[in-house]
Amino acid sequence: MKKRQVVAKKSNWNRTSSASIIQRVRYGECQKNHAANMGGYAVDGCREFMASGEEGTTAAVLCAACGCHRNFHRREMADESVCDSSSTSDA
């Protein structure tokens, strides 16, 4: 089973409307250059970030497949617009 690190951040972009935007972050393939100290370029082939631990722990930012920090993995962001039905106004 594949683990995926997805971080959802909710922010109200327009306070007068009932919609908000959720930004989903997914971490793709590892881009760490393992041969940088020798003047070359070599990646380890890790295709996707898999968190080593549960969200909120220090192990959550380490990849279980390649062992590096998630900042070395390509970051993909997607915005979603969500309508909040709980904040209706009476006119």
N, C-alpha and C. Protein backbone atom coordinates (compact mmCIF):
# COMPACT_ATOMS: atom_id res chain seq x y z
N MET A 1 0.83 -1.18 0.00
CA MET A 1 0.00 0.00 0.00
C MET A 1 0.88 1.24 0.00
N LYS A 2 0.56 2.19 -0.86
CA LYS A 2 1.34 3.42 -0.96
C LYS A 2 0.87 4.44 0.07
N LYS A 3 1.83 5.07 0.73
CA LYS A 3 1.51 6.18 1.61
C LYS A 3 1.76 7.46 0.84
N ARG A 4 0.91 8.45 1.02
CA ARG A 4 1.10 9.73 0.39
C ARG A 4 1.02 10.82 1.43
N GLN A 5 1.88 11.79 1.30
CA GLN A 5 1.85 12.94 2.20
C GLN A 5 1.02 14.03 1.55
N VAL A 6 -0.13 14.32 2.10
CA VAL A 6 -1.00 15.37 1.59
C VAL A 6 -1.30 16.31 2.73
N VAL A 7 -1.01 17.58 2.53
CA VAL A 7 -1.25 18.59 3.53
C VAL A 7 -2.34 19.51 3.01
N ALA A 8 -3.39 19.70 3.78
CA ALA A 8 -4.50 20.57 3.37
C ALA A 8 -4.49 21.81 4.24
N LYS A 9 -4.52 22.97 3.59
CA LYS A 9 -4.54 24.23 4.31
C LYS A 9 -5.76 25.02 3.87
N LYS A 10 -6.61 25.41 4.82
CA LYS A 10 -7.84 26.12 4.49
C LYS A 10 -7.66 27.60 4.80
N SER A 11 -8.04 28.45 3.86
CA SER A 11 -7.97 29.88 4.08
C SER A 11 -9.16 30.56 3.44
N ASN A 12 -9.72 31.54 4.12
CA ASN A 12 -10.83 32.30 3.57
C ASN A 12 -10.26 33.42 2.71
N TRP A 13 -10.53 33.39 1.44
CA TRP A 13 -9.99 34.40 0.54
C TRP A 13 -10.95 35.55 0.37
N ASN A 14 -12.21 35.38 0.65
CA ASN A 14 -13.19 36.44 0.55
C ASN A 14 -14.12 36.31 1.75
N ARG A 15 -14.02 37.21 2.70
CA ARG A 15 -14.78 37.09 3.95
C ARG A 15 -16.28 37.29 3.74
N THR A 16 -16.70 37.96 2.67
CA THR A 16 -18.13 38.20 2.46
C THR A 16 -18.83 37.01 1.83
N SER A 17 -18.11 36.15 1.16
CA SER A 17 -18.73 34.97 0.57
C SER A 17 -18.56 33.77 1.49
N SER A 18 -19.27 32.71 1.18
CA SER A 18 -19.20 31.51 2.01
C SER A 18 -18.25 30.47 1.44
N ALA A 19 -17.44 30.88 0.47
CA ALA A 19 -16.49 29.95 -0.15
C ALA A 19 -15.10 30.14 0.44
N SER A 20 -14.33 29.10 0.44
CA SER A 20 -12.94 29.17 0.88
C SER A 20 -12.11 28.30 -0.04
N ILE A 21 -10.81 28.49 0.03
CA ILE A 21 -9.89 27.74 -0.83
C ILE A 21 -9.08 26.79 0.03
N ILE A 22 -9.00 25.56 -0.41
CA ILE A 22 -8.16 24.56 0.24
C ILE A 22 -6.99 24.27 -0.69
N GLN A 23 -5.77 24.44 -0.18
CA GLN A 23 -4.58 24.14 -0.96
C GLN A 23 -4.09 22.75 -0.56
N ARG A 24 -4.03 21.87 -1.52
CA ARG A 24 -3.52 20.53 -1.27
C ARG A 24 -2.10 20.45 -1.79
N VAL A 25 -1.20 19.95 -0.94
CA VAL A 25 0.20 19.82 -1.28
C VAL A 25 0.53 18.35 -1.36
N ARG A 26 1.14 17.95 -2.46
CA ARG A 26 1.58 16.57 -2.65
C ARG A 26 3.05 16.61 -3.00
N TYR A 27 3.83 15.72 -2.45
CA TYR A 27 5.26 15.67 -2.70
C TYR A 27 5.56 14.52 -3.66
N GLY A 28 6.17 14.85 -4.78
CA GLY A 28 6.47 13.88 -5.84
C GLY A 28 7.85 13.28 -5.71
N GLU A 29 8.52 13.11 -6.85
CA GLU A 29 9.79 12.40 -6.87
C GLU A 29 10.91 13.19 -6.19
N CYS A 30 11.90 12.45 -5.69
CA CYS A 30 13.03 13.03 -4.99
C CYS A 30 13.99 13.66 -6.00
N GLN A 31 14.44 14.86 -5.69
CA GLN A 31 15.36 15.58 -6.57
C GLN A 31 16.71 15.83 -5.92
N LYS A 32 17.01 15.10 -4.85
CA LYS A 32 18.29 15.27 -4.16
C LYS A 32 19.43 14.76 -5.03
N ASN A 33 20.44 15.60 -5.20
CA ASN A 33 21.61 15.25 -6.00
C ASN A 33 22.64 14.59 -5.09
N HIS A 34 22.80 13.28 -5.21
CA HIS A 34 23.71 12.54 -4.34
C HIS A 34 25.17 12.65 -4.79
N ALA A 35 25.42 13.12 -5.99
CA ALA A 35 26.78 13.22 -6.50
C ALA A 35 27.25 14.68 -6.58
N ALA A 36 26.63 15.57 -5.85
CA ALA A 36 26.98 17.00 -5.93
C ALA A 36 28.39 17.27 -5.43
N ASN A 37 28.84 16.55 -4.39
CA ASN A 37 30.18 16.80 -3.87
C ASN A 37 31.28 16.33 -4.82
N MET A 38 30.96 15.49 -5.80
CA MET A 38 31.93 15.03 -6.79
C MET A 38 31.81 15.80 -8.10
N GLY A 39 30.87 16.74 -8.17
CA GLY A 39 30.68 17.52 -9.38
C GLY A 39 29.79 16.86 -10.41
N GLY A 40 29.08 15.83 -10.03
CA GLY A 40 28.19 15.12 -10.95
C GLY A 40 26.74 15.33 -10.60
N TYR A 41 25.89 14.53 -11.24
CA TYR A 41 24.46 14.58 -10.96
C TYR A 41 23.92 13.16 -10.92
N ALA A 42 23.38 12.76 -9.79
CA ALA A 42 22.79 11.43 -9.64
C ALA A 42 21.67 11.49 -8.63
N VAL A 43 20.50 11.04 -9.02
CA VAL A 43 19.36 10.96 -8.11
C VAL A 43 19.12 9.51 -7.75
N ASP A 44 18.41 9.27 -6.64
CA ASP A 44 18.25 7.89 -6.17
C ASP A 44 17.07 7.16 -6.80
N GLY A 45 16.21 7.86 -7.51
CA GLY A 45 15.09 7.20 -8.19
C GLY A 45 13.84 7.06 -7.35
N CYS A 46 13.79 7.69 -6.19
CA CYS A 46 12.59 7.65 -5.36
C CYS A 46 11.48 8.39 -6.09
N ARG A 47 10.40 7.73 -6.39
CA ARG A 47 9.34 8.29 -7.23
C ARG A 47 8.32 9.13 -6.47
N GLU A 48 8.15 8.91 -5.17
CA GLU A 48 7.13 9.61 -4.42
C GLU A 48 7.48 9.64 -2.94
N PHE A 49 7.15 10.74 -2.27
CA PHE A 49 7.40 10.87 -0.84
C PHE A 49 6.44 10.00 -0.05
N MET A 50 6.99 9.21 0.86
CA MET A 50 6.19 8.42 1.79
C MET A 50 6.67 8.78 3.20
N ALA A 51 5.80 9.31 4.02
CA ALA A 51 6.17 9.74 5.36
C ALA A 51 6.59 8.54 6.21
N SER A 52 7.63 8.74 7.01
CA SER A 52 8.11 7.68 7.89
C SER A 52 7.28 7.53 9.14
N GLY A 53 6.56 8.59 9.53
CA GLY A 53 5.76 8.54 10.75
C GLY A 53 4.44 9.25 10.59
N GLU A 54 3.70 9.34 11.67
CA GLU A 54 2.39 9.98 11.67
C GLU A 54 2.54 11.50 11.60
N GLU A 55 1.52 12.16 11.08
CA GLU A 55 1.51 13.62 10.97
C GLU A 55 1.64 14.24 12.35
N GLY A 56 2.51 15.23 12.48
CA GLY A 56 2.74 15.88 13.75
C GLY A 56 3.99 15.40 14.47
N THR A 57 4.57 14.31 14.01
CA THR A 57 5.82 13.83 14.60
C THR A 57 7.00 14.28 13.76
N THR A 58 8.20 14.15 14.30
CA THR A 58 9.39 14.55 13.55
C THR A 58 9.68 13.59 12.40
N ALA A 59 9.21 12.36 12.50
CA ALA A 59 9.43 11.37 11.44
C ALA A 59 8.54 11.63 10.22
N ALA A 60 7.54 12.49 10.36
CA ALA A 60 6.61 12.75 9.26
C ALA A 60 7.27 13.52 8.11
N VAL A 61 8.40 14.16 8.34
CA VAL A 61 9.06 14.92 7.29
C VAL A 61 10.20 14.14 6.64
N LEU A 62 10.42 12.90 7.06
CA LEU A 62 11.44 12.05 6.47
C LEU A 62 10.79 11.01 5.57
N CYS A 63 11.39 10.78 4.41
CA CYS A 63 10.86 9.83 3.45
C CYS A 63 11.23 8.41 3.87
N ALA A 64 10.24 7.52 3.89
CA ALA A 64 10.49 6.12 4.26
C ALA A 64 11.24 5.39 3.16
N ALA A 65 11.11 5.84 1.91
CA ALA A 65 11.75 5.14 0.79
C ALA A 65 13.23 5.50 0.65
N CYS A 66 13.55 6.80 0.71
CA CYS A 66 14.94 7.20 0.45
C CYS A 66 15.64 7.80 1.66
N GLY A 67 14.89 8.15 2.71
CA GLY A 67 15.50 8.63 3.95
C GLY A 67 15.81 10.11 4.00
N CYS A 68 15.51 10.85 2.95
CA CYS A 68 15.82 12.28 2.96
C CYS A 68 14.62 13.10 3.40
N HIS A 69 14.84 14.39 3.62
CA HIS A 69 13.79 15.31 4.05
C HIS A 69 12.82 15.56 2.91
N ARG A 70 11.56 15.87 3.23
CA ARG A 70 10.56 16.06 2.19
C ARG A 70 10.81 17.30 1.34
N ASN A 71 11.67 18.23 1.79
CA ASN A 71 12.00 19.41 0.99
C ASN A 71 12.78 19.04 -0.27
N PHE A 72 13.40 17.87 -0.30
CA PHE A 72 14.10 17.41 -1.50
C PHE A 72 13.14 16.87 -2.56
N HIS A 73 11.90 16.64 -2.19
CA HIS A 73 10.92 16.10 -3.12
C HIS A 73 10.18 17.23 -3.82
N ARG A 74 9.83 17.01 -5.08
CA ARG A 74 9.13 18.03 -5.87
C ARG A 74 7.76 18.28 -5.26
N ARG A 75 7.44 19.55 -5.09
CA ARG A 75 6.18 19.95 -4.44
C ARG A 75 5.14 20.30 -5.48
N GLU A 76 3.97 19.68 -5.40
CA GLU A 76 2.87 19.95 -6.31
C GLU A 76 1.73 20.55 -5.50
N MET A 77 1.24 21.71 -5.92
CA MET A 77 0.15 22.36 -5.20
C MET A 77 -1.09 22.41 -6.08
N ALA A 78 -2.24 22.17 -5.48
CA ALA A 78 -3.52 22.24 -6.18
C ALA A 78 -4.50 23.00 -5.30
N ASP A 79 -5.18 24.00 -5.87
CA ASP A 79 -6.18 24.78 -5.14
C ASP A 79 -7.56 24.23 -5.43
N GLU A 80 -8.37 24.13 -4.40
CA GLU A 80 -9.75 23.71 -4.55
C GLU A 80 -10.65 24.74 -3.88
N SER A 81 -11.73 25.10 -4.52
CA SER A 81 -12.70 26.01 -3.95
C SER A 81 -13.79 25.21 -3.28
N VAL A 82 -14.05 25.52 -2.02
CA VAL A 82 -15.03 24.78 -1.23
C VAL A 82 -16.08 25.76 -0.73
N CYS A 83 -17.33 25.40 -0.89
CA CYS A 83 -18.45 26.23 -0.43
C CYS A 83 -18.81 25.80 0.97
N ASP A 84 -18.87 26.77 1.89
CA ASP A 84 -19.20 26.50 3.27
C ASP A 84 -20.68 26.78 3.47
N SER A 85 -21.47 25.73 3.66
CA SER A 85 -22.92 25.89 3.77
C SER A 85 -23.36 26.30 5.17
N SER A 86 -22.46 26.28 6.16
CA SER A 86 -22.84 26.62 7.52
C SER A 86 -22.96 28.12 7.73
N SER A 87 -22.37 28.93 6.87
CA SER A 87 -22.40 30.38 7.05
C SER A 87 -23.36 31.01 6.04
N THR A 88 -24.64 30.82 6.26
CA THR A 88 -25.65 31.42 5.41
C THR A 88 -26.16 32.68 6.07
N SER A 89 -26.55 33.67 5.29
CA SER A 89 -27.04 34.92 5.85
C SER A 89 -28.54 35.04 5.61
N ASP A 90 -29.23 35.62 6.57
CA ASP A 90 -30.67 35.84 6.45
C ASP A 90 -30.90 37.26 5.97
N ALA A 91 -31.69 37.43 4.92
CA ALA A 91 -31.91 38.76 4.39
C ALA A 91 -33.31 39.23 4.62
